[in-house]
Amino acid sequence: MSLTVDVRDLTFRHGSTVALADLSLNLNKGDRCVLVGANGAGKSTLLQILAGKRLLTEGSVQIFGQDVFRQTPEGVTFLGTEW
């Protein structure tokens, strides 16, 4: 069975500030995950990355076996606070 969410060695920077460092996350279909953390901890950044809204330079992110930035799977979206 392939992973639904497959994040490997993700590091993301806002300029020179590291927002996420060496993050790995693997979820199968039907798994549940709670994302909690302090303001500025990178929760929204991670969700934007998972939806393909942020380009990565370090690590890989696949949803349903596809690169989310180059080939976002149908139904994967990020509804941020900007709406």
PDB file of N, CA and C in Angstrom:
ATOM      1  N   MET A   1       0.837  -1.178   0.000  1.00  0.00           N
ATOM      2  CA  MET A   1       0.000   0.000   0.000  1.00  0.00           C
ATOM      3  C   MET A   1       0.884   1.245   0.000  1.00  0.00           C
ATOM      4  N   SER A   2       0.618   2.172  -0.908  1.00  0.00           N
ATOM      5  CA  SER A   2       1.396   3.407  -0.934  1.00  0.00           C
ATOM      6  C   SER A   2       0.841   4.385   0.090  1.00  0.00           C
ATOM      7  N   LEU A   3       1.693   5.264   0.543  1.00  0.00           N
ATOM      8  CA  LEU A   3       1.307   6.259   1.533  1.00  0.00           C
ATOM      9  C   LEU A   3       0.434   7.326   0.897  1.00  0.00           C
ATOM     10  N   THR A   4      -0.538   7.828   1.655  1.00  0.00           N
ATOM     11  CA  THR A   4      -1.356   8.932   1.195  1.00  0.00           C
ATOM     12  C   THR A   4      -0.575  10.233   1.319  1.00  0.00           C
ATOM     13  N   VAL A   5       0.086  10.426   2.453  1.00  0.00           N
ATOM     14  CA  VAL A   5       0.945  11.589   2.686  1.00  0.00           C
ATOM     15  C   VAL A   5       2.336  11.062   2.983  1.00  0.00           C
ATOM     16  N   ASP A   6       3.311  11.516   2.211  1.00  0.00           N
ATOM     17  CA  ASP A   6       4.690  11.068   2.381  1.00  0.00           C
ATOM     18  C   ASP A   6       5.617  12.279   2.351  1.00  0.00           C
ATOM     19  N   VAL A   7       6.035  12.713   3.534  1.00  0.00           N
ATOM     20  CA  VAL A   7       6.938  13.861   3.678  1.00  0.00           C
ATOM     21  C   VAL A   7       8.274  13.318   4.160  1.00  0.00           C
ATOM     22  N   ARG A   8       9.340  13.664   3.443  1.00  0.00           N
ATOM     23  CA  ARG A   8      10.665  13.153   3.807  1.00  0.00           C
ATOM     24  C   ARG A   8      11.690  14.280   3.876  1.00  0.00           C
ATOM     25  N   ASP A   9      12.338  14.376   5.028  1.00  0.00           N
ATOM     26  CA  ASP A   9      13.473  15.283   5.235  1.00  0.00           C
ATOM     27  C   ASP A   9      13.162  16.717   4.810  1.00  0.00           C
ATOM     28  N   LEU A  10      11.972  17.198   5.140  1.00  0.00           N
ATOM     29  CA  LEU A  10      11.539  18.535   4.751  1.00  0.00           C
ATOM     30  C   LEU A  10      12.178  19.601   5.628  1.00  0.00           C
ATOM     31  N   THR A  11      12.848  20.535   5.004  1.00  0.00           N
ATOM     32  CA  THR A  11      13.326  21.744   5.668  1.00  0.00           C
ATOM     33  C   THR A  11      12.826  22.908   4.836  1.00  0.00           C
ATOM     34  N   PHE A  12      12.201  23.884   5.498  1.00  0.00           N
ATOM     35  CA  PHE A  12      11.650  25.041   4.792  1.00  0.00           C
ATOM     36  C   PHE A  12      12.084  26.308   5.500  1.00  0.00           C
ATOM     37  N   ARG A  13      12.513  27.279   4.710  1.00  0.00           N
ATOM     38  CA  ARG A  13      12.982  28.552   5.252  1.00  0.00           C
ATOM     39  C   ARG A  13      12.129  29.706   4.736  1.00  0.00           C
ATOM     40  N   HIS A  14      11.860  30.652   5.626  1.00  0.00           N
ATOM     41  CA  HIS A  14      11.310  31.952   5.236  1.00  0.00           C
ATOM     42  C   HIS A  14      12.512  32.889   5.246  1.00  0.00           C
ATOM     43  N   GLY A  15      13.077  33.145   4.072  1.00  0.00           N
ATOM     44  CA  GLY A  15      14.315  33.925   4.027  1.00  0.00           C
ATOM     45  C   GLY A  15      15.422  33.131   4.695  1.00  0.00           C
ATOM     46  N   SER A  16      16.035  33.722   5.719  1.00  0.00           N
ATOM     47  CA  SER A  16      17.107  33.019   6.426  1.00  0.00           C
ATOM     48  C   SER A  16      16.595  32.294   7.674  1.00  0.00           C
ATOM     49  N   THR A  17      15.315  32.460   7.997  1.00  0.00           N
ATOM     50  CA  THR A  17      14.725  31.821   9.175  1.00  0.00           C
ATOM     51  C   THR A  17      14.203  30.428   8.828  1.00  0.00           C
ATOM     52  N   VAL A  18      14.644  29.432   9.585  1.00  0.00           N
ATOM     53  CA  VAL A  18      14.174  28.064   9.367  1.00  0.00           C
ATOM     54  C   VAL A  18      12.795  27.920  10.014  1.00  0.00           C
ATOM     55  N   ALA A  19      11.782  27.623   9.189  1.00  0.00           N
ATOM     56  CA  ALA A  19      10.418  27.450   9.687  1.00  0.00           C
ATOM     57  C   ALA A  19      10.140  25.996  10.054  1.00  0.00           C
ATOM     58  N   LEU A  20      10.661  25.072   9.267  1.00  0.00           N
ATOM     59  CA  LEU A  20      10.513  23.634   9.518  1.00  0.00           C
ATOM     60  C   LEU A  20      11.866  22.986   9.257  1.00  0.00           C
ATOM     61  N   ALA A  21      12.287  22.087  10.144  1.00  0.00           N
ATOM     62  CA  ALA A  21      13.602  21.470   9.996  1.00  0.00           C
ATOM     63  C   ALA A  21      13.510  19.949  10.074  1.00  0.00           C
ATOM     64  N   ASP A  22      14.005  19.290   9.038  1.00  0.00           N
ATOM     65  CA  ASP A  22      14.131  17.831   9.001  1.00  0.00           C
ATOM     66  C   ASP A  22      12.831  17.110   9.386  1.00  0.00           C
ATOM     67  N   LEU A  23      11.719  17.560   8.820  1.00  0.00           N
ATOM     68  CA  LEU A  23      10.409  16.995   9.128  1.00  0.00           C
ATOM     69  C   LEU A  23      10.119  15.797   8.234  1.00  0.00           C
ATOM     70  N   SER A  24       9.692  14.713   8.844  1.00  0.00           N
ATOM     71  CA  SER A  24       9.206  13.547   8.103  1.00  0.00           C
ATOM     72  C   SER A  24       7.841  13.183   8.666  1.00  0.00           C
ATOM     73  N   LEU A  25       6.905  12.853   7.777  1.00  0.00           N
ATOM     74  CA  LEU A  25       5.537  12.524   8.173  1.00  0.00           C
ATOM     75  C   LEU A  25       4.991  11.525   7.173  1.00  0.00           C
ATOM     76  N   ASN A  26       4.456  10.433   7.664  1.00  0.00           N
ATOM     77  CA  ASN A  26       3.876   9.407   6.802  1.00  0.00           C
ATOM     78  C   ASN A  26       2.487   9.061   7.304  1.00  0.00           C
ATOM     79  N   LEU A  27       1.495   9.222   6.437  1.00  0.00           N
ATOM     80  CA  LEU A  27       0.119   8.904   6.788  1.00  0.00           C
ATOM     81  C   LEU A  27      -0.481   8.002   5.723  1.00  0.00           C
ATOM     82  N   ASN A  28      -1.203   6.998   6.162  1.00  0.00           N
ATOM     83  CA  ASN A  28      -1.925   6.107   5.258  1.00  0.00           C
ATOM     84  C   ASN A  28      -3.379   6.544   5.165  1.00  0.00           C
ATOM     85  N   LYS A  29      -4.074   6.059   4.165  1.00  0.00           N
ATOM     86  CA  LYS A  29      -5.492   6.336   4.015  1.00  0.00           C
ATOM     87  C   LYS A  29      -6.214   5.949   5.301  1.00  0.00           C
ATOM     88  N   GLY A  30      -7.043   6.861   5.792  1.00  0.00           N
ATOM     89  CA  GLY A  30      -7.803   6.615   7.013  1.00  0.00           C
ATOM     90  C   GLY A  30      -7.119   7.069   8.289  1.00  0.00           C
ATOM     91  N   ASP A  31      -5.824   7.382   8.227  1.00  0.00           N
ATOM     92  CA  ASP A  31      -5.117   7.881   9.408  1.00  0.00           C
ATOM     93  C   ASP A  31      -5.646   9.252   9.796  1.00  0.00           C
ATOM     94  N   ARG A  32      -5.506   9.589  11.054  1.00  0.00           N
ATOM     95  CA  ARG A  32      -5.862  10.912  11.560  1.00  0.00           C
ATOM     96  C   ARG A  32      -4.619  11.510  12.197  1.00  0.00           C
ATOM     97  N   CYS A  33      -4.472  12.814  12.043  1.00  0.00           N
ATOM     98  CA  CYS A  33      -3.315  13.498  12.592  1.00  0.00           C
ATOM     99  C   CYS A  33      -3.761  14.851  13.131  1.00  0.00           C
ATOM    100  N   VAL A  34      -3.353  15.179  14.340  1.00  0.00           N
ATOM    101  CA  VAL A  34      -3.657  16.475  14.937  1.00  0.00           C
ATOM    102  C   VAL A  34      -2.392  17.316  14.852  1.00  0.00           C
ATOM    103  N   LEU A  35      -2.535  18.518  14.312  1.00  0.00           N
ATOM    104  CA  LEU A  35      -1.403  19.428  14.143  1.00  0.00           C
ATOM    105  C   LEU A  35      -1.556  20.572  15.132  1.00  0.00           C
ATOM    106  N   VAL A  36      -0.704  20.601  16.141  1.00  0.00           N
ATOM    107  CA  VAL A  36      -0.779  21.634  17.174  1.00  0.00           C
ATOM    108  C   VAL A  36       0.593  22.271  17.349  1.00  0.00           C
ATOM    109  N   GLY A  37       0.594  23.495  17.839  1.00  0.00           N
ATOM    110  CA  GLY A  37       1.840  24.183  18.115  1.00  0.00           C
ATOM    111  C   GLY A  37       1.581  25.645  18.394  1.00  0.00           C
ATOM    112  N   ALA A  38       2.570  26.293  18.906  1.00  0.00           N
ATOM    113  CA  ALA A  38       2.484  27.717  19.233  1.00  0.00           C
ATOM    114  C   ALA A  38       2.370  28.549  17.960  1.00  0.00           C
ATOM    115  N   ASN A  39       1.935  29.789  18.105  1.00  0.00           N
ATOM    116  CA  ASN A  39       1.924  30.718  16.977  1.00  0.00           C
ATOM    117  C   ASN A  39       3.335  30.805  16.405  1.00  0.00           C
ATOM    118  N   GLY A  40       3.428  30.725  15.093  1.00  0.00           N
ATOM    119  CA  GLY A  40       4.728  30.817  14.436  1.00  0.00           C
ATOM    120  C   GLY A  40       5.510  29.520  14.398  1.00  0.00           C
ATOM    121  N   ALA A  41       4.906  28.423  14.825  1.00  0.00           N
ATOM    122  CA  ALA A  41       5.619  27.141  14.873  1.00  0.00           C
ATOM    123  C   ALA A  41       5.720  26.467  13.512  1.00  0.00           C
ATOM    124  N   GLY A  42       4.912  26.921  12.510  1.00  0.00           N
ATOM    125  CA  GLY A  42       4.998  26.349  11.169  1.00  0.00           C
ATOM    126  C   GLY A  42       3.794  25.519  10.755  1.00  0.00           C
ATOM    127  N   LYS A  43       2.713  25.562  11.523  1.00  0.00           N
ATOM    128  CA  LYS A  43       1.524  24.755  11.198  1.00  0.00           C
ATOM    129  C   LYS A  43       0.939  25.147   9.842  1.00  0.00           C
ATOM    130  N   SER A  44       0.680  26.412   9.638  1.00  0.00           N
ATOM    131  CA  SER A  44       0.106  26.883   8.366  1.00  0.00           C
ATOM    132  C   SER A  44       1.078  26.672   7.220  1.00  0.00           C
ATOM    133  N   THR A  45       2.352  26.877   7.480  1.00  0.00           N
ATOM    134  CA  THR A  45       3.368  26.644   6.447  1.00  0.00           C
ATOM    135  C   THR A  45       3.344  25.190   6.000  1.00  0.00           C
ATOM    136  N   LEU A  46       3.272  24.258   6.938  1.00  0.00           N
ATOM    137  CA  LEU A  46       3.213  22.837   6.585  1.00  0.00           C
ATOM    138  C   LEU A  46       1.971  22.538   5.756  1.00  0.00           C
ATOM    139  N   LEU A  47       0.817  23.070   6.145  1.00  0.00           N
ATOM    140  CA  LEU A  47      -0.410  22.824   5.388  1.00  0.00           C
ATOM    141  C   LEU A  47      -0.329  23.419   3.984  1.00  0.00           C
ATOM    142  N   GLN A  48       0.293  24.579   3.851  1.00  0.00           N
ATOM    143  CA  GLN A  48       0.480  25.178   2.525  1.00  0.00           C
ATOM    144  C   GLN A  48       1.397  24.310   1.671  1.00  0.00           C
ATOM    145  N   ILE A  49       2.437  23.779   2.266  1.00  0.00           N
ATOM    146  CA  ILE A  49       3.352  22.885   1.543  1.00  0.00           C
ATOM    147  C   ILE A  49       2.611  21.620   1.101  1.00  0.00           C
ATOM    148  N   LEU A  50       1.812  21.030   1.992  1.00  0.00           N
ATOM    149  CA  LEU A  50       1.068  19.818   1.649  1.00  0.00           C
ATOM    150  C   LEU A  50       0.066  20.055   0.530  1.00  0.00           C
ATOM    151  N   ALA A  51      -0.400  21.292   0.396  1.00  0.00           N
ATOM    152  CA  ALA A  51      -1.350  21.635  -0.671  1.00  0.00           C
ATOM    153  C   ALA A  51      -0.645  22.109  -1.943  1.00  0.00           C
ATOM    154  N   GLY A  52       0.693  22.133  -1.942  1.00  0.00           N
ATOM    155  CA  GLY A  52       1.431  22.539  -3.131  1.00  0.00           C
ATOM    156  C   GLY A  52       1.503  24.028  -3.340  1.00  0.00           C
ATOM    157  N   LYS A  53       1.294  24.811  -2.291  1.00  0.00           N
ATOM    158  CA  LYS A  53       1.306  26.278  -2.402  1.00  0.00           C
ATOM    159  C   LYS A  53       2.666  26.882  -2.117  1.00  0.00           C
ATOM    160  N   ARG A  54       3.609  26.087  -1.678  1.00  0.00           N
ATOM    161  CA  ARG A  54       4.974  26.540  -1.403  1.00  0.00           C
ATOM    162  C   ARG A  54       5.953  25.589  -2.063  1.00  0.00           C
ATOM    163  N   LEU A  55       6.899  26.114  -2.805  1.00  0.00           N
ATOM    164  CA  LEU A  55       7.909  25.298  -3.477  1.00  0.00           C
ATOM    165  C   LEU A  55       9.019  24.933  -2.495  1.00  0.00           C
ATOM    166  N   LEU A  56       9.419  23.690  -2.516  1.00  0.00           N
ATOM    167  CA  LEU A  56      10.469  23.208  -1.628  1.00  0.00           C
ATOM    168  C   LEU A  56      11.825  23.245  -2.290  1.00  0.00           C
ATOM    169  N   THR A  57      12.848  23.449  -1.480  1.00  0.00           N
ATOM    170  CA  THR A  57      14.215  23.320  -1.968  1.00  0.00           C
ATOM    171  C   THR A  57      14.925  22.163  -1.269  1.00  0.00           C
ATOM    172  N   GLU A  58      14.379  21.716  -0.099  1.00  0.00           N
ATOM    173  CA  GLU A  58      14.991  20.610   0.641  1.00  0.00           C
ATOM    174  C   GLU A  58      13.909  19.633   1.073  1.00  0.00           C
ATOM    175  N   GLY A  59      14.054  18.389   0.692  1.00  0.00           N
ATOM    176  CA  GLY A  59      13.100  17.358   1.076  1.00  0.00           C
ATOM    177  C   GLY A  59      12.114  17.064  -0.039  1.00  0.00           C
ATOM    178  N   SER A  60      11.190  16.160   0.251  1.00  0.00           N
ATOM    179  CA  SER A  60      10.177  15.820  -0.742  1.00  0.00           C
ATOM    180  C   SER A  60       8.821  15.657  -0.059  1.00  0.00           C
ATOM    181  N   VAL A  61       7.767  16.011  -0.811  1.00  0.00           N
ATOM    182  CA  VAL A  61       6.397  15.872  -0.335  1.00  0.00           C
ATOM    183  C   VAL A  61       5.573  15.257  -1.454  1.00  0.00           C
ATOM    184  N   GLN A  62       4.942  14.137  -1.145  1.00  0.00           N
ATOM    185  CA  GLN A  62       4.050  13.508  -2.110  1.00  0.00           C
ATOM    186  C   GLN A  62       2.713  13.245  -1.443  1.00  0.00           C
ATOM    187  N   ILE A  63       1.647  13.506  -2.183  1.00  0.00           N
ATOM    188  CA  ILE A  63       0.288  13.200  -1.761  1.00  0.00           C
ATOM    189  C   ILE A  63      -0.273  12.255  -2.814  1.00  0.00           C
ATOM    190  N   PHE A  64      -0.763  11.122  -2.394  1.00  0.00           N
ATOM    191  CA  PHE A  64      -1.251  10.089  -3.320  1.00  0.00           C
ATOM    192  C   PHE A  64      -0.192   9.735  -4.369  1.00  0.00           C
ATOM    193  N   GLY A  65       1.091   9.753  -3.966  1.00  0.00           N
ATOM    194  CA  GLY A  65       2.181   9.375  -4.852  1.00  0.00           C
ATOM    195  C   GLY A  65       2.586  10.424  -5.867  1.00  0.00           C
ATOM    196  N   GLN A  66       2.059  11.647  -5.728  1.00  0.00           N
ATOM    197  CA  GLN A  66       2.378  12.717  -6.686  1.00  0.00           C
ATOM    198  C   GLN A  66       3.052  13.889  -5.984  1.00  0.00           C
ATOM    199  N   ASP A  67       3.973  14.518  -6.680  1.00  0.00           N
ATOM    200  CA  ASP A  67       4.616  15.733  -6.194  1.00  0.00           C
ATOM    201  C   ASP A  67       3.555  16.829  -6.125  1.00  0.00           C
ATOM    202  N   VAL A  68       3.311  17.364  -4.943  1.00  0.00           N
ATOM    203  CA  VAL A  68       2.191  18.298  -4.767  1.00  0.00           C
ATOM    204  C   VAL A  68       2.394  19.634  -5.468  1.00  0.00           C
ATOM    205  N   PHE A  69       3.626  20.046  -5.684  1.00  0.00           N
ATOM    206  CA  PHE A  69       3.840  21.329  -6.335  1.00  0.00           C
ATOM    207  C   PHE A  69       3.739  21.219  -7.850  1.00  0.00           C
ATOM    208  N   ARG A  70       4.263  20.157  -8.385  1.00  0.00           N
ATOM    209  CA  ARG A  70       4.290  20.008  -9.845  1.00  0.00           C
ATOM    210  C   ARG A  70       3.058  19.300 -10.403  1.00  0.00           C
ATOM    211  N   GLN A  71       2.373  18.527  -9.562  1.00  0.00           N
ATOM    212  CA  GLN A  71       1.250  17.721 -10.044  1.00  0.00           C
ATOM    213  C   GLN A  71       0.261  17.528  -8.889  1.00  0.00           C
ATOM    214  N   THR A  72      -0.341  18.622  -8.428  1.00  0.00           N
ATOM    215  CA  THR A  72      -1.235  18.566  -7.272  1.00  0.00           C
ATOM    216  C   THR A  72      -2.420  17.650  -7.551  1.00  0.00           C
ATOM    217  N   PRO A  73      -2.620  16.637  -6.722  1.00  0.00           N
ATOM    218  CA  PRO A  73      -3.753  15.730  -6.922  1.00  0.00           C
ATOM    219  C   PRO A  73      -5.083  16.473  -6.773  1.00  0.00           C
ATOM    220  N   GLU A  74      -6.071  16.046  -7.500  1.00  0.00           N
ATOM    221  CA  GLU A  74      -7.398  16.650  -7.436  1.00  0.00           C
ATOM    222  C   GLU A  74      -7.945  16.546  -6.011  1.00  0.00           C
ATOM    223  N   GLY A  75      -8.555  17.629  -5.538  1.00  0.00           N
ATOM    224  CA  GLY A  75      -9.156  17.637  -4.212  1.00  0.00           C
ATOM    225  C   GLY A  75      -8.226  18.090  -3.105  1.00  0.00           C
ATOM    226  N   VAL A  76      -6.935  18.310  -3.401  1.00  0.00           N
ATOM    227  CA  VAL A  76      -5.991  18.781  -2.391  1.00  0.00           C
ATOM    228  C   VAL A  76      -5.959  20.302  -2.455  1.00  0.00           C
ATOM    229  N   THR A  77      -6.424  20.940  -1.385  1.00  0.00           N
ATOM    230  CA  THR A  77      -6.464  22.404  -1.332  1.00  0.00           C
ATOM    231  C   THR A  77      -6.025  22.879   0.041  1.00  0.00           C
ATOM    232  N   PHE A  78      -5.746  24.162   0.136  1.00  0.00           N
ATOM    233  CA  PHE A  78      -5.443  24.808   1.406  1.00  0.00           C
ATOM    234  C   PHE A  78      -6.328  26.027   1.505  1.00  0.00           C
ATOM    235  N   LEU A  79      -7.194  26.070   2.509  1.00  0.00           N
ATOM    236  CA  LEU A  79      -8.048  27.222   2.736  1.00  0.00           C
ATOM    237  C   LEU A  79      -7.432  27.984   3.902  1.00  0.00           C
ATOM    238  N   GLY A  80      -6.678  29.013   3.582  1.00  0.00           N
ATOM    239  CA  GLY A  80      -5.992  29.770   4.615  1.00  0.00           C
ATOM    240  C   GLY A  80      -6.838  30.890   5.155  1.00  0.00           C
ATOM    241  N   THR A  81      -6.229  31.705   5.982  1.00  0.00           N
ATOM    242  CA  THR A  81      -6.952  32.805   6.609  1.00  0.00           C
ATOM    243  C   THR A  81      -7.233  33.946   5.639  1.00  0.00           C
ATOM    244  N   GLU A  82      -6.614  33.906   4.451  1.00  0.00           N
ATOM    245  CA  GLU A  82      -6.803  35.006   3.502  1.00  0.00           C
ATOM    246  C   GLU A  82      -8.202  35.065   2.884  1.00  0.00           C
ATOM    247  N   TRP A  83      -9.010  34.020   3.013  1.00  0.00           N
ATOM    248  CA  TRP A  83     -10.343  34.046   2.431  1.00  0.00           C
ATOM    249  C   TRP A  83     -11.233  34.963   3.231  1.00  0.00           C
TER     250      TRP A  83
END
